[in-house]
C-alpha cells in the first residue's frame, strides 16, 4: 500500500462541497417528510377532538333531556302514590260501610220479617188506591 495523503484543505473542501450538501439533502427531505407527517397527525388529532367535542355536547344535551323527563316521571309517580293512598283510604271506608250494611241486612233477615219489602209496600199502595176508588164510587151512588 502506498501512503498517499490527502491534504486537509482538499478534504475540508470535499466535505463542504460534497458531503454537507448531500447530508443536508438527505436530512432536509426526512425533516420535511417528518414535518408533513406531524402536521397530518396533528390535523387528524384536531379533527378527532372536534368530533369528540360535538359528540360530548350531544350526549350532554341528551342527558339534560333525560334528567328533565326523569324529574317529570318522578313527579307523576309522587302524584300517583298520593292518589293511590287516597284511593286505598276510600276503599277501606267503603269496605267498612259495606260490612255495616251486610251486618244490618243479616240482622233484618235473621230477625224475621219486621219490615215489608218495597215491592210489598207498592203492592199494598196499589190495593189501597183501588179500595179508595171503590169507596169513592159507593159514596157517589149514595148521594142524592
Protein backbone atom coordinates (compact mmCIF):
# COMPACT_ATOMS: atom_id res chain seq x y z
CA UNK A 1 0.00 0.00 0.00
CA UNK A 2 1.16 3.33 -0.76
CA UNK A 3 0.75 6.03 1.68
CA UNK A 4 -0.79 8.83 -0.21
CA UNK A 5 -2.02 11.55 1.99
CA UNK A 6 -4.76 13.91 1.11
CA UNK A 7 -4.17 17.43 2.15
CA UNK A 8 -6.52 18.73 4.82
CA UNK A 9 -7.65 21.66 2.67
CA UNK A 10 -8.80 19.29 -0.08
CA UNK A 11 -10.54 17.11 2.45
CA UNK A 12 -12.29 20.14 4.01
CA UNK A 13 -13.28 21.41 0.56
CA UNK A 14 -14.67 17.94 -0.37
CA UNK A 15 -16.52 17.84 2.90
CA UNK A 16 -18.04 21.32 2.33
CA UNK A 17 -18.90 20.83 -1.30
CA UNK A 18 -19.99 17.19 -1.46
CA UNK A 19 -20.68 15.64 1.94
CA UNK A 20 -22.51 18.53 3.70
CA UNK A 21 -24.91 19.26 0.80
CA UNK A 22 -25.65 15.55 0.49
CA UNK A 23 -26.32 15.23 4.24
CA UNK A 24 -28.47 18.40 4.15
CA UNK A 25 -30.43 16.98 1.21
CA UNK A 26 -31.00 13.64 2.97
CA UNK A 27 -31.76 15.15 6.39
CA UNK A 28 -33.82 18.00 4.89
CA UNK A 29 -36.01 15.57 2.95
CA UNK A 30 -36.51 13.44 6.03
CA UNK A 31 -37.24 16.56 8.06
CA UNK A 32 -39.86 17.72 5.54
CA UNK A 33 -41.47 14.28 5.47
CA UNK A 34 -41.43 14.15 9.27
CA UNK A 35 -42.91 17.67 9.45
CA UNK A 36 -45.61 16.72 6.92
CA UNK A 37 -46.43 13.56 8.88
CA UNK A 38 -46.56 15.55 12.12
CA UNK A 39 -48.90 18.13 10.55
CA UNK A 40 -51.10 15.33 9.17
CA UNK A 41 -51.17 13.62 12.55
CA UNK A 42 -51.88 16.96 14.27
CA UNK A 43 -54.74 17.68 11.85
CA UNK A 44 -56.19 14.21 12.39
CA UNK A 45 -55.99 14.63 16.19
CA UNK A 46 -57.74 18.02 15.93
CA UNK A 47 -60.45 16.51 13.71
CA UNK A 48 -60.97 13.69 16.21
CA UNK A 49 -61.11 16.16 19.09
CA UNK A 50 -63.70 18.26 17.22
CA UNK A 51 -65.80 15.16 16.58
CA UNK A 52 -65.47 14.10 20.22
CA UNK A 53 -66.41 17.60 21.40
CA UNK A 54 -69.51 17.52 19.19
CA UNK A 55 -70.47 14.08 20.50
CA UNK A 56 -69.84 15.24 24.06
CA UNK A 57 -72.17 18.22 23.58
CA UNK A 58 -74.84 15.98 22.01
CA UNK A 59 -74.57 13.47 24.88
CA UNK A 60 -74.73 16.28 27.42
CA UNK A 61 -77.86 17.75 25.79
CA UNK A 62 -79.44 14.30 25.69
CA UNK A 63 -78.60 13.75 29.35
CA UNK A 64 -80.27 17.05 30.25
CA UNK A 65 -83.41 15.91 28.38
CA UNK A 66 -83.34 12.54 30.15
CA UNK A 67 -82.93 14.22 33.55
CA UNK A 68 -85.85 16.57 32.84
CA UNK A 69 -88.02 13.67 31.74
CA UNK A 70 -86.99 11.66 34.81
CA UNK A 71 -87.99 14.61 37.02
CA UNK A 72 -91.41 14.69 35.35
CA UNK A 73 -91.79 10.92 35.79
CA UNK A 74 -90.85 11.22 39.47
CA UNK A 75 -93.43 13.98 39.95
CA UNK A 76 -96.08 11.84 38.27
CA UNK A 77 -95.13 8.86 40.44
CA UNK A 78 -95.38 11.01 43.57
CA UNK A 79 -98.78 12.23 42.42
CA UNK A 80 -99.91 8.67 41.67
CA UNK A 81 -98.63 7.48 45.06
CA UNK A 82 -100.64 10.22 46.79
CA UNK A 83 -103.70 9.36 44.72
CA UNK A 84 -103.18 5.67 45.48
CA UNK A 85 -103.10 6.35 49.22
CA UNK A 86 -106.34 8.34 48.87
CA UNK A 87 -107.98 5.54 46.90
CA UNK A 88 -106.88 2.94 49.45
CA UNK A 89 -108.39 5.04 52.25
CA UNK A 90 -111.64 5.42 50.28
CA UNK A 91 -111.80 1.68 49.59
CA UNK A 92 -111.25 0.99 53.30
CA UNK A 93 -114.09 3.36 54.24
CA UNK A 94 -116.36 1.74 51.63
CA UNK A 95 -115.42 -1.70 52.93
CA UNK A 96 -116.35 -0.64 56.46
CA UNK A 97 -119.68 0.74 55.26
CA UNK A 98 -120.37 -2.42 53.29
CA UNK A 99 -119.61 -4.51 56.37
CA UNK A 100 -122.10 -2.45 58.39
CA UNK A 101 -124.75 -2.82 55.66
CA UNK A 102 -124.16 -6.58 55.47
CA UNK A 103 -124.40 -6.86 59.24
CA UNK A 104 -127.64 -4.87 59.28
CA UNK A 105 -129.04 -6.99 56.44
CA UNK A 106 -128.19 -10.18 58.35
CA UNK A 107 -129.94 -8.74 61.42
CA UNK A 108 -133.05 -8.00 59.37
CA UNK A 109 -133.09 -11.41 57.76
CA UNK A 110 -132.44 -13.29 60.99
CA UNK A 111 -134.88 -11.13 62.99
CA UNK A 112 -137.80 -12.10 60.87
CA UNK A 113 -139.93 -10.02 58.61
CA UNK A 114 -140.36 -6.92 60.67
CA UNK A 115 -140.18 -4.70 57.65
CA UNK A 116 -142.00 -5.03 54.37
CA UNK A 117 -140.12 -5.06 51.12
CA UNK A 118 -140.55 -2.25 48.63
CA UNK A 119 -142.49 -4.48 46.31
CA UNK A 120 -144.87 -5.41 49.09
CA UNK A 121 -145.31 -1.76 50.08
CA UNK A 122 -146.02 -0.80 46.47
CA UNK A 123 -148.50 -3.65 46.14
CA UNK A 124 -150.29 -2.50 49.29
CA UNK A 125 -150.43 1.07 47.99
CA UNK A 126 -151.92 -0.13 44.71
CA UNK A 127 -154.53 -2.13 46.59
CA UNK A 128 -155.27 0.87 48.84
CA UNK A 129 -155.72 3.09 45.81
CA UNK A 130 -158.14 0.53 44.36
CA UNK A 131 -160.15 0.39 47.59
CA UNK A 132 -160.23 4.17 47.75
CA UNK A 133 -161.63 4.29 44.22
CA UNK A 134 -164.33 1.78 45.16
CA UNK A 135 -165.22 3.77 48.30
CA UNK A 136 -165.49 6.93 46.22
CA UNK A 137 -167.78 5.15 43.73
CA UNK A 138 -170.00 3.87 46.55
CA UNK A 139 -170.24 7.33 48.09
CA UNK A 140 -171.33 8.77 44.75
CA UNK A 141 -174.09 6.22 44.47
CA UNK A 142 -175.35 7.07 47.95
CA UNK A 143 -175.51 10.77 47.27
CA UNK A 144 -178.93 12.09 46.29
